[in-house]
Amino acid sequence: MQGVQEQIEELQMKLAFQELTVEELNQEVIKLNQLIANQQHQIQLLIGKLKAIEPSNIATQAEETPPPHY
């Protein structure tokens, strides 16, 4: 019976360790999800700002009139 009791105690210790590990990993996943959500929000803000920028007043090569010596 002593061997069975030792096995039960060993399994209980392993289970407690695994529960702690799962909880620590869960907290890391929560942190990473928050980080990703924050970065997605920042990217959306940047996209909005880039779309709001007015086009340049400088003409492209195709729109430029040729110099007078042509």
N, C-alpha and C. Protein backbone atom coordinates (compact mmCIF):
# COMPACT_ATOMS: atom_id res chain seq x y z
N MET A 1 0.81 -1.20 0.00
CA MET A 1 0.00 0.00 0.00
C MET A 1 0.85 1.27 0.00
N GLN A 2 2.03 1.18 0.60
CA GLN A 2 2.91 2.35 0.67
C GLN A 2 3.30 2.83 -0.72
N GLY A 3 3.57 1.90 -1.63
CA GLY A 3 3.94 2.28 -2.99
C GLY A 3 2.84 3.00 -3.70
N VAL A 4 1.61 2.59 -3.51
CA VAL A 4 0.46 3.24 -4.15
C VAL A 4 0.31 4.65 -3.61
N GLN A 5 0.48 4.81 -2.30
CA GLN A 5 0.36 6.14 -1.68
C GLN A 5 1.44 7.08 -2.23
N GLU A 6 2.65 6.59 -2.39
CA GLU A 6 3.73 7.40 -2.94
C GLU A 6 3.44 7.79 -4.39
N GLN A 7 2.88 6.85 -5.15
CA GLN A 7 2.53 7.15 -6.54
C GLN A 7 1.44 8.21 -6.60
N ILE A 8 0.47 8.13 -5.71
CA ILE A 8 -0.62 9.12 -5.68
C ILE A 8 -0.05 10.50 -5.34
N GLU A 9 0.83 10.56 -4.35
CA GLU A 9 1.43 11.84 -3.97
C GLU A 9 2.27 12.41 -5.10
N GLU A 10 3.00 11.54 -5.78
CA GLU A 10 3.81 11.99 -6.92
C GLU A 10 2.92 12.55 -8.03
N LEU A 11 1.81 11.85 -8.30
CA LEU A 11 0.88 12.33 -9.33
C LEU A 11 0.25 13.66 -8.91
N GLN A 12 -0.06 13.81 -7.63
CA GLN A 12 -0.63 15.06 -7.15
C GLN A 12 0.36 16.21 -7.31
N MET A 13 1.63 15.95 -7.03
CA MET A 13 2.65 16.99 -7.21
C MET A 13 2.79 17.36 -8.68
N LYS A 14 2.80 16.36 -9.55
CA LYS A 14 2.91 16.63 -10.99
C LYS A 14 1.70 17.42 -11.47
N LEU A 15 0.51 17.06 -10.99
CA LEU A 15 -0.70 17.78 -11.39
C LEU A 15 -0.63 19.24 -10.94
N ALA A 16 -0.18 19.47 -9.70
CA ALA A 16 -0.07 20.83 -9.19
C ALA A 16 0.92 21.63 -10.03
N PHE A 17 2.03 21.03 -10.39
CA PHE A 17 3.03 21.70 -11.22
C PHE A 17 2.45 22.03 -12.59
N GLN A 18 1.72 21.08 -13.17
CA GLN A 18 1.13 21.30 -14.49
C GLN A 18 0.07 22.40 -14.44
N GLU A 19 -0.72 22.43 -13.36
CA GLU A 19 -1.73 23.48 -13.23
C GLU A 19 -1.06 24.85 -13.15
N LEU A 20 0.03 24.94 -12.41
CA LEU A 20 0.77 26.20 -12.32
C LEU A 20 1.33 26.60 -13.68
N THR A 21 1.89 25.64 -14.38
CA THR A 21 2.46 25.91 -15.71
C THR A 21 1.37 26.37 -16.68
N VAL A 22 0.23 25.72 -16.65
CA VAL A 22 -0.88 26.10 -17.54
C VAL A 22 -1.34 27.52 -17.22
N GLU A 23 -1.43 27.86 -15.95
CA GLU A 23 -1.86 29.20 -15.56
C GLU A 23 -0.84 30.25 -16.02
N GLU A 24 0.45 29.96 -15.87
CA GLU A 24 1.48 30.90 -16.32
C GLU A 24 1.42 31.08 -17.83
N LEU A 25 1.23 30.00 -18.55
CA LEU A 25 1.12 30.09 -20.01
C LEU A 25 -0.14 30.86 -20.41
N ASN A 26 -1.21 30.66 -19.69
CA ASN A 26 -2.45 31.38 -19.97
C ASN A 26 -2.25 32.88 -19.80
N GLN A 27 -1.54 33.27 -18.74
CA GLN A 27 -1.28 34.70 -18.52
C GLN A 27 -0.42 35.28 -19.65
N GLU A 28 0.54 34.51 -20.14
CA GLU A 28 1.36 34.98 -21.26
C GLU A 28 0.52 35.13 -22.53
N VAL A 29 -0.39 34.21 -22.76
CA VAL A 29 -1.27 34.30 -23.93
C VAL A 29 -2.15 35.54 -23.83
N ILE A 30 -2.65 35.82 -22.64
CA ILE A 30 -3.47 37.02 -22.44
C ILE A 30 -2.65 38.28 -22.74
N LYS A 31 -1.41 38.34 -22.24
CA LYS A 31 -0.55 39.49 -22.50
C LYS A 31 -0.29 39.66 -23.99
N LEU A 32 -0.01 38.55 -24.67
CA LEU A 32 0.28 38.61 -26.11
C LEU A 32 -0.95 39.05 -26.90
N ASN A 33 -2.12 38.58 -26.51
CA ASN A 33 -3.35 39.00 -27.19
C ASN A 33 -3.57 40.49 -27.03
N GLN A 34 -3.31 41.02 -25.83
CA GLN A 34 -3.45 42.46 -25.60
C GLN A 34 -2.44 43.24 -26.44
N LEU A 35 -1.23 42.73 -26.51
CA LEU A 35 -0.19 43.38 -27.32
C LEU A 35 -0.58 43.40 -28.80
N ILE A 36 -1.07 42.29 -29.30
CA ILE A 36 -1.49 42.21 -30.70
C ILE A 36 -2.65 43.16 -30.97
N ALA A 37 -3.62 43.21 -30.06
CA ALA A 37 -4.76 44.12 -30.24
C ALA A 37 -4.28 45.57 -30.27
N ASN A 38 -3.34 45.91 -29.40
CA ASN A 38 -2.80 47.27 -29.37
C ASN A 38 -2.07 47.58 -30.67
N GLN A 39 -1.27 46.65 -31.14
CA GLN A 39 -0.53 46.87 -32.39
C GLN A 39 -1.48 46.99 -33.58
N GLN A 40 -2.54 46.18 -33.60
CA GLN A 40 -3.50 46.29 -34.69
C GLN A 40 -4.17 47.66 -34.68
N HIS A 41 -4.47 48.16 -33.49
CA HIS A 41 -5.08 49.49 -33.38
C HIS A 41 -4.12 50.56 -33.90
N GLN A 42 -2.85 50.45 -33.51
CA GLN A 42 -1.86 51.42 -33.97
C GLN A 42 -1.69 51.35 -35.49
N ILE A 43 -1.71 50.18 -36.06
CA ILE A 43 -1.60 50.03 -37.51
C ILE A 43 -2.79 50.68 -38.20
N GLN A 44 -3.99 50.48 -37.65
CA GLN A 44 -5.17 51.10 -38.23
C GLN A 44 -5.07 52.62 -38.18
N LEU A 45 -4.53 53.15 -37.08
CA LEU A 45 -4.34 54.61 -37.00
C LEU A 45 -3.35 55.08 -38.06
N LEU A 46 -2.26 54.35 -38.24
CA LEU A 46 -1.28 54.72 -39.26
C LEU A 46 -1.87 54.66 -40.65
N ILE A 47 -2.65 53.64 -40.92
CA ILE A 47 -3.30 53.52 -42.24
C ILE A 47 -4.21 54.72 -42.46
N GLY A 48 -4.97 55.09 -41.44
CA GLY A 48 -5.85 56.26 -41.56
C GLY A 48 -5.07 57.53 -41.83
N LYS A 49 -3.95 57.69 -41.13
CA LYS A 49 -3.13 58.88 -41.34
C LYS A 49 -2.51 58.88 -42.74
N LEU A 50 -2.06 57.74 -43.21
CA LEU A 50 -1.48 57.67 -44.55
C LEU A 50 -2.51 57.97 -45.63
N LYS A 51 -3.72 57.49 -45.43
CA LYS A 51 -4.78 57.76 -46.41
C LYS A 51 -5.17 59.23 -46.41
N ALA A 52 -5.01 59.90 -45.27
CA ALA A 52 -5.41 61.29 -45.16
C ALA A 52 -4.38 62.24 -45.75
N ILE A 53 -3.17 61.77 -45.96
CA ILE A 53 -2.13 62.64 -46.51
C ILE A 53 -2.50 63.02 -47.94
N GLU A 54 -2.41 64.33 -48.23
CA GLU A 54 -2.73 64.79 -49.58
C GLU A 54 -1.60 64.42 -50.53
N PRO A 55 -1.93 64.16 -51.77
CA PRO A 55 -0.88 63.84 -52.73
C PRO A 55 0.06 65.03 -52.92
N SER A 56 1.25 64.74 -53.34
CA SER A 56 2.28 65.76 -53.52
C SER A 56 1.91 66.70 -54.67
N ASN A 57 2.35 67.95 -54.56
CA ASN A 57 2.12 68.94 -55.63
C ASN A 57 3.14 68.79 -56.75
N ILE A 58 4.12 67.94 -56.58
CA ILE A 58 5.14 67.74 -57.61
C ILE A 58 4.56 66.82 -58.69
N ALA A 59 4.72 67.25 -59.93
CA ALA A 59 4.20 66.46 -61.05
C ALA A 59 5.10 65.26 -61.30
N THR A 60 4.51 64.21 -61.84
CA THR A 60 5.30 63.04 -62.21
C THR A 60 6.06 63.33 -63.49
N GLN A 61 7.02 62.47 -63.84
CA GLN A 61 7.79 62.64 -65.08
C GLN A 61 6.87 62.71 -66.30
N ALA A 62 5.82 61.92 -66.31
CA ALA A 62 4.91 61.88 -67.46
C ALA A 62 4.12 63.18 -67.59
N GLU A 63 3.86 63.85 -66.47
CA GLU A 63 3.07 65.08 -66.49
C GLU A 63 3.91 66.32 -66.75
N GLU A 64 5.20 66.22 -66.61
CA GLU A 64 6.09 67.37 -66.80
C GLU A 64 6.13 67.78 -68.28
N THR A 65 6.14 69.06 -68.51
CA THR A 65 6.31 69.55 -69.89
C THR A 65 7.79 69.44 -70.25
N PRO A 66 8.08 69.11 -71.48
CA PRO A 66 9.50 68.98 -71.85
C PRO A 66 10.21 70.33 -71.81
N PRO A 67 11.48 70.31 -71.55
CA PRO A 67 12.24 71.57 -71.53
C PRO A 67 12.21 72.24 -72.91
N PRO A 68 12.48 73.53 -72.99
CA PRO A 68 12.36 74.28 -74.24
C PRO A 68 13.29 73.82 -75.36
N HIS A 69 14.38 73.17 -75.06
CA HIS A 69 15.30 72.79 -76.12
C HIS A 69 14.83 71.54 -76.87
N TYR A 70 13.69 70.98 -76.56
CA TYR A 70 13.20 69.81 -77.31
C TYR A 70 12.44 70.21 -78.51
